[in-house]
Amino acid sequence: MAFADKHYNEGKGGTWDCAKDGVVSIDANAGKYTFTGTCKSISINGNDNKVTVDATAALSVNGNKNTVIAKSADALLVPGNENTVTVNKAPGTSSNPGTNNKITVPKDKK
Protein backbone atom coordinates (compact mmCIF):
# COMPACT_ATOMS: atom_id res chain seq x y z
CA MET A 1 0.00 0.00 0.00
CA ALA A 2 1.39 3.42 -0.93
CA PHE A 3 0.96 6.36 1.39
CA ALA A 4 0.66 9.95 0.26
CA ASP A 5 1.99 11.50 3.49
CA LYS A 6 -0.06 13.80 5.72
CA HIS A 7 0.53 17.52 5.16
CA TYR A 8 -0.91 20.36 7.20
CA ASN A 9 -0.55 23.45 4.99
CA GLU A 10 -3.21 25.61 6.63
CA GLY A 11 -5.69 25.56 9.46
CA LYS A 12 -5.31 25.64 13.21
CA GLY A 13 -4.46 22.03 13.98
CA GLY A 14 -5.81 18.56 14.24
CA THR A 15 -5.33 15.03 15.50
CA TRP A 16 -3.75 12.37 13.33
CA ASP A 17 -3.31 8.61 13.81
CA CYS A 18 0.09 7.70 12.42
CA ALA A 19 -1.17 4.19 11.67
CA LYS A 20 -3.02 5.80 8.71
CA ASP A 21 0.14 7.44 7.41
CA GLY A 22 3.36 7.68 9.37
CA VAL A 23 5.01 10.55 7.47
CA VAL A 24 3.73 13.95 8.65
CA SER A 25 4.61 17.54 7.73
CA ILE A 26 3.31 20.71 9.38
CA ASP A 27 3.76 23.80 7.23
CA ALA A 28 1.00 25.84 8.91
CA ASN A 29 1.46 28.37 11.74
CA ALA A 30 -0.12 28.79 15.18
CA GLY A 31 -1.88 25.44 15.31
CA LYS A 32 -2.33 22.70 17.88
CA TYR A 33 -1.54 19.17 16.67
CA THR A 34 -1.70 15.74 18.29
CA PHE A 35 -0.14 12.63 16.74
CA THR A 36 -1.10 9.23 18.11
CA GLY A 37 0.55 5.90 17.52
CA THR A 38 4.04 5.59 16.07
CA CYS A 39 5.02 7.91 13.23
CA LYS A 40 7.86 7.31 10.79
CA SER A 41 8.77 11.00 10.69
CA ILE A 42 7.36 14.36 11.73
CA SER A 43 8.65 17.61 10.23
CA ILE A 44 7.50 20.85 11.84
CA ASN A 45 8.23 23.61 9.33
CA GLY A 46 5.72 26.19 10.54
CA ASN A 47 6.00 28.59 13.47
CA ASP A 48 4.23 29.00 16.84
CA ASN A 49 2.70 25.51 16.83
CA LYS A 50 1.93 23.30 19.83
CA VAL A 51 2.59 19.65 19.00
CA THR A 52 2.09 16.48 21.05
CA VAL A 53 3.58 13.21 19.80
CA ASP A 54 3.21 9.64 21.08
CA ALA A 55 6.24 8.26 19.23
CA THR A 56 8.22 8.88 16.07
CA ALA A 57 11.37 7.51 14.48
CA ALA A 58 12.45 11.02 13.41
CA LEU A 59 11.40 14.44 14.73
CA SER A 60 12.62 17.56 12.94
CA VAL A 61 11.70 21.02 14.23
CA ASN A 62 12.64 23.37 11.39
CA GLY A 63 10.33 26.27 12.24
CA ASN A 64 10.55 28.80 15.04
CA LYS A 65 8.85 29.26 18.43
CA ASN A 66 7.19 25.82 18.41
CA THR A 67 6.41 23.84 21.58
CA VAL A 68 6.76 20.08 21.15
CA ILE A 69 6.20 17.32 23.69
CA ALA A 70 7.04 13.78 22.56
CA LYS A 71 6.88 10.60 24.60
CA SER A 72 9.51 9.10 22.30
CA ALA A 73 11.65 10.19 19.32
CA ASP A 74 14.46 7.95 18.09
CA ALA A 75 16.18 10.85 16.30
CA LEU A 76 15.78 14.55 17.15
CA LEU A 77 16.88 17.46 14.95
CA VAL A 78 16.14 21.09 15.90
CA PRO A 79 17.58 23.51 13.30
CA GLY A 80 14.85 26.08 13.99
CA ASN A 81 15.10 28.83 16.60
CA GLU A 82 13.43 29.60 19.93
CA ASN A 83 11.69 26.20 20.10
CA THR A 84 10.82 24.31 23.29
CA VAL A 85 11.15 20.55 22.82
CA THR A 86 10.64 17.89 25.48
CA VAL A 87 11.24 14.20 24.77
CA ASN A 88 10.35 11.87 27.64
CA LYS A 89 12.54 8.98 26.41
CA ALA A 90 16.12 9.86 25.46
CA PRO A 91 16.55 9.86 21.66
CA GLY A 92 19.23 7.69 20.08
CA THR A 93 20.58 10.75 18.26
CA SER A 94 19.95 14.45 18.70
CA SER A 95 21.20 17.65 17.12
CA ASN A 96 20.40 21.26 18.02
CA PRO A 97 22.01 23.57 15.44
CA GLY A 98 19.35 26.27 15.97
CA THR A 99 19.63 29.16 18.41
CA ASN A 100 17.84 29.83 21.71
CA ASN A 101 16.14 26.42 21.75
CA LYS A 102 15.18 24.76 25.04
CA ILE A 103 15.64 21.00 24.67
CA THR A 104 14.72 18.66 27.54
CA VAL A 105 15.57 14.96 27.28
CA PRO A 106 16.49 12.38 29.91
CA LYS A 107 20.22 11.88 30.40
CA ASP A 108 19.98 8.08 30.35
CA LYS A 109 19.10 6.20 27.18
CA LYS A 110 16.59 3.62 28.39
C-alpha atoms as a PDB file:
ATOM      1  CA  MET A   1       0.000   0.000   0.000  1.00  0.00           C
ATOM      2  CA  ALA A   2       1.386   3.422  -0.934  1.00  0.00           C
ATOM      3  CA  PHE A   3       0.961   6.360   1.389  1.00  0.00           C
ATOM      4  CA  ALA A   4       0.655   9.950   0.260  1.00  0.00           C
ATOM      5  CA  ASP A   5       1.992  11.498   3.491  1.00  0.00           C
ATOM      6  CA  LYS A   6      -0.062  13.803   5.720  1.00  0.00           C
ATOM      7  CA  HIS A   7       0.535  17.521   5.162  1.00  0.00           C
ATOM      8  CA  TYR A   8      -0.910  20.362   7.201  1.00  0.00           C
ATOM      9  CA  ASN A   9      -0.547  23.455   4.987  1.00  0.00           C
ATOM     10  CA  GLU A  10      -3.209  25.608   6.628  1.00  0.00           C
ATOM     11  CA  GLY A  11      -5.687  25.559   9.461  1.00  0.00           C
ATOM     12  CA  LYS A  12      -5.305  25.641  13.208  1.00  0.00           C
ATOM     13  CA  GLY A  13      -4.459  22.034  13.979  1.00  0.00           C
ATOM     14  CA  GLY A  14      -5.811  18.559  14.238  1.00  0.00           C
ATOM     15  CA  THR A  15      -5.334  15.029  15.504  1.00  0.00           C
ATOM     16  CA  TRP A  16      -3.752  12.371  13.332  1.00  0.00           C
ATOM     17  CA  ASP A  17      -3.313   8.612  13.814  1.00  0.00           C
ATOM     18  CA  CYS A  18       0.093   7.704  12.420  1.00  0.00           C
ATOM     19  CA  ALA A  19      -1.173   4.187  11.668  1.00  0.00           C
ATOM     20  CA  LYS A  20      -3.023   5.800   8.712  1.00  0.00           C
ATOM     21  CA  ASP A  21       0.144   7.439   7.412  1.00  0.00           C
ATOM     22  CA  GLY A  22       3.358   7.682   9.374  1.00  0.00           C
ATOM     23  CA  VAL A  23       5.015  10.553   7.469  1.00  0.00           C
ATOM     24  CA  VAL A  24       3.733  13.946   8.649  1.00  0.00           C
ATOM     25  CA  SER A  25       4.605  17.539   7.734  1.00  0.00           C
ATOM     26  CA  ILE A  26       3.307  20.713   9.384  1.00  0.00           C
ATOM     27  CA  ASP A  27       3.756  23.804   7.234  1.00  0.00           C
ATOM     28  CA  ALA A  28       0.999  25.841   8.914  1.00  0.00           C
ATOM     29  CA  ASN A  29       1.460  28.369  11.737  1.00  0.00           C
ATOM     30  CA  ALA A  30      -0.118  28.794  15.185  1.00  0.00           C
ATOM     31  CA  GLY A  31      -1.876  25.438  15.310  1.00  0.00           C
ATOM     32  CA  LYS A  32      -2.330  22.696  17.882  1.00  0.00           C
ATOM     33  CA  TYR A  33      -1.536  19.172  16.670  1.00  0.00           C
ATOM     34  CA  THR A  34      -1.696  15.739  18.286  1.00  0.00           C
ATOM     35  CA  PHE A  35      -0.136  12.629  16.736  1.00  0.00           C
ATOM     36  CA  THR A  36      -1.103   9.232  18.106  1.00  0.00           C
ATOM     37  CA  GLY A  37       0.551   5.895  17.524  1.00  0.00           C
ATOM     38  CA  THR A  38       4.043   5.586  16.073  1.00  0.00           C
ATOM     39  CA  CYS A  39       5.016   7.914  13.228  1.00  0.00           C
ATOM     40  CA  LYS A  40       7.855   7.312  10.793  1.00  0.00           C
ATOM     41  CA  SER A  41       8.774  11.005  10.687  1.00  0.00           C
ATOM     42  CA  ILE A  42       7.361  14.364  11.733  1.00  0.00           C
ATOM     43  CA  SER A  43       8.652  17.613  10.231  1.00  0.00           C
ATOM     44  CA  ILE A  44       7.502  20.852  11.843  1.00  0.00           C
ATOM     45  CA  ASN A  45       8.234  23.610   9.335  1.00  0.00           C
ATOM     46  CA  GLY A  46       5.717  26.192  10.542  1.00  0.00           C
ATOM     47  CA  ASN A  47       5.997  28.593  13.472  1.00  0.00           C
ATOM     48  CA  ASP A  48       4.235  29.003  16.836  1.00  0.00           C
ATOM     49  CA  ASN A  49       2.696  25.510  16.829  1.00  0.00           C
ATOM     50  CA  LYS A  50       1.930  23.303  19.831  1.00  0.00           C
ATOM     51  CA  VAL A  51       2.588  19.650  18.998  1.00  0.00           C
ATOM     52  CA  THR A  52       2.086  16.479  21.054  1.00  0.00           C
ATOM     53  CA  VAL A  53       3.582  13.207  19.799  1.00  0.00           C
ATOM     54  CA  ASP A  54       3.207   9.637  21.080  1.00  0.00           C
ATOM     55  CA  ALA A  55       6.235   8.259  19.226  1.00  0.00           C
ATOM     56  CA  THR A  56       8.223   8.881  16.070  1.00  0.00           C
ATOM     57  CA  ALA A  57      11.371   7.512  14.478  1.00  0.00           C
ATOM     58  CA  ALA A  58      12.448  11.025  13.409  1.00  0.00           C
ATOM     59  CA  LEU A  59      11.397  14.437  14.731  1.00  0.00           C
ATOM     60  CA  SER A  60      12.620  17.560  12.937  1.00  0.00           C
ATOM     61  CA  VAL A  61      11.698  21.018  14.231  1.00  0.00           C
ATOM     62  CA  ASN A  62      12.643  23.368  11.386  1.00  0.00           C
ATOM     63  CA  GLY A  63      10.327  26.268  12.238  1.00  0.00           C
ATOM     64  CA  ASN A  64      10.551  28.802  15.038  1.00  0.00           C
ATOM     65  CA  LYS A  65       8.848  29.256  18.429  1.00  0.00           C
ATOM     66  CA  ASN A  66       7.190  25.818  18.414  1.00  0.00           C
ATOM     67  CA  THR A  67       6.405  23.839  21.579  1.00  0.00           C
ATOM     68  CA  VAL A  68       6.756  20.083  21.150  1.00  0.00           C
ATOM     69  CA  ILE A  69       6.201  17.316  23.687  1.00  0.00           C
ATOM     70  CA  ALA A  70       7.042  13.783  22.564  1.00  0.00           C
ATOM     71  CA  LYS A  71       6.875  10.605  24.602  1.00  0.00           C
ATOM     72  CA  SER A  72       9.509   9.096  22.304  1.00  0.00           C
ATOM     73  CA  ALA A  73      11.647  10.190  19.323  1.00  0.00           C
ATOM     74  CA  ASP A  74      14.459   7.947  18.091  1.00  0.00           C
ATOM     75  CA  ALA A  75      16.176  10.851  16.300  1.00  0.00           C
ATOM     76  CA  LEU A  76      15.779  14.546  17.149  1.00  0.00           C
ATOM     77  CA  LEU A  77      16.878  17.459  14.950  1.00  0.00           C
ATOM     78  CA  VAL A  78      16.139  21.087  15.900  1.00  0.00           C
ATOM     79  CA  PRO A  79      17.576  23.514  13.300  1.00  0.00           C
ATOM     80  CA  GLY A  80      14.846  26.084  13.990  1.00  0.00           C
ATOM     81  CA  ASN A  81      15.105  28.832  16.602  1.00  0.00           C
ATOM     82  CA  GLU A  82      13.425  29.597  19.934  1.00  0.00           C
ATOM     83  CA  ASN A  83      11.685  26.201  20.104  1.00  0.00           C
ATOM     84  CA  THR A  84      10.823  24.310  23.290  1.00  0.00           C
ATOM     85  CA  VAL A  85      11.150  20.551  22.816  1.00  0.00           C
ATOM     86  CA  THR A  86      10.635  17.891  25.480  1.00  0.00           C
ATOM     87  CA  VAL A  87      11.236  14.200  24.771  1.00  0.00           C
ATOM     88  CA  ASN A  88      10.350  11.869  27.641  1.00  0.00           C
ATOM     89  CA  LYS A  89      12.540   8.978  26.412  1.00  0.00           C
ATOM     90  CA  ALA A  90      16.119   9.862  25.457  1.00  0.00           C
ATOM     91  CA  PRO A  91      16.552   9.857  21.663  1.00  0.00           C
ATOM     92  CA  GLY A  92      19.227   7.686  20.077  1.00  0.00           C
ATOM     93  CA  THR A  93      20.579  10.748  18.257  1.00  0.00           C
ATOM     94  CA  SER A  94      19.945  14.448  18.697  1.00  0.00           C
ATOM     95  CA  SER A  95      21.199  17.650  17.118  1.00  0.00           C
ATOM     96  CA  ASN A  96      20.396  21.256  18.023  1.00  0.00           C
ATOM     97  CA  PRO A  97      22.014  23.569  15.439  1.00  0.00           C
ATOM     98  CA  GLY A  98      19.355  26.266  15.971  1.00  0.00           C
ATOM     99  CA  THR A  99      19.631  29.164  18.409  1.00  0.00           C
ATOM    100  CA  ASN A 100      17.836  29.834  21.705  1.00  0.00           C
ATOM    101  CA  ASN A 101      16.138  26.421  21.753  1.00  0.00           C
ATOM    102  CA  LYS A 102      15.180  24.757  25.037  1.00  0.00           C
ATOM    103  CA  ILE A 103      15.638  21.000  24.668  1.00  0.00           C
ATOM    104  CA  THR A 104      14.723  18.657  27.544  1.00  0.00           C
ATOM    105  CA  VAL A 105      15.569  14.962  27.285  1.00  0.00           C
ATOM    106  CA  PRO A 106      16.486  12.377  29.911  1.00  0.00           C
ATOM    107  CA  LYS A 107      20.219  11.882  30.400  1.00  0.00           C
ATOM    108  CA  ASP A 108      19.978   8.085  30.349  1.00  0.00           C
ATOM    109  CA  LYS A 109      19.103   6.197  27.183  1.00  0.00           C
ATOM    110  CA  LYS A 110      16.588   3.621  28.392  1.00  0.00           C
END
